[in-house]
Amino acid sequence: MSLRIVLADDEQMVRTAVRAILSCEPDLEVVGEARTGAQVVPLVRELRPDLVLMDVRMPEIDGIRATEQILRTMDDPPRVLVLTTFENDSYVYDALRVGAAGFLLKRAGADELVQAVRLVARTDSLLFPAAVRALAARHADARADDAARALRGRLSDREADVLRHMAAGLSNAEIAERMAVGAATVKSHVAAVLAKLGVRDRTQAVISAYECGFVTPG
C-alpha cells in the first residue's frame, strides 16, 4: 500500500518540488496540499494521511501549533515530519517537543527526502538522532541532576537501558539484538517508558531524557 502524504508549506515552489520528487516513487502518494497551518489541520482530518510534511514557519497558524492540534485532537493521528531551513531553529525543537517525529532540512536531496519519509512513516527509528541530541542538549534543564534522579527512580533497570538505546537512535529490532531479548519484550519496555514519562512517542522520550540529563551527548 502507498504511503499517503499531505504537504504543508507556504511556498508554492517548495510544494511543487516536493510533490514532484515523491510522485516518482511507486509507494508514495501526495493526497493534499496546504499553504497555512490553518488549512492543514482540517485537511488532515478529512484525508487521514499517513504522514504530514510540515513547514514550521507558515502564516495564520505556524507548523508547531498545527502539529500540536493534529496530534492532540485526532485518534490515530499521522506522523509529522517537519521541514526547516535551519536545523538549530528553535521552531524545530518546539515542534519535536509537541510530537513531531523528526525534521528534514529543505536543502536535502531527493534521495534523502524519500528516505526520511519512509523512515518516519514506517519504522520506529529516530530520524537524525545526533541532531535531536544536540537540540535537546542546548535546551537542557538547569535542574538536570535532580530531574535525572527522579526519572531514574520511575524506570526499571531494563526500561532505563531501553531508553538509553532509544536515545542513541536504535530501532526496536536493534535494541532487541543489543540486549539479547525478544522484539516483543522491547516493544513492551518502550510502551512502559513512554507511559512513565507521559509522552506520546520515542522522539519526545529522547528529548525528555536529554533535557533532564538522564542521558548526555556522547
Foldseek 3Di string as FASTA:
>chain_A
DAFEEEEEALDPVLVVVLQVLQVVDPRYHHDYYYNALVVVQVVCVVPVGQEYAAEQDGPPHGRQVSLLCQVVPDDPGHAYEYEDQDLLDVSQVSSLQSGHQYYDYSPDDSVVVVVVVCPSRPFQFRPPLLSLQVNLLVQADPQLVVLLVVLVVLADPVLLLLLVVNSVGDTLVRSCVVVVHDSVVSVVSLVSLCVSVVHDGSSNSNSSCSNSVNDHRD
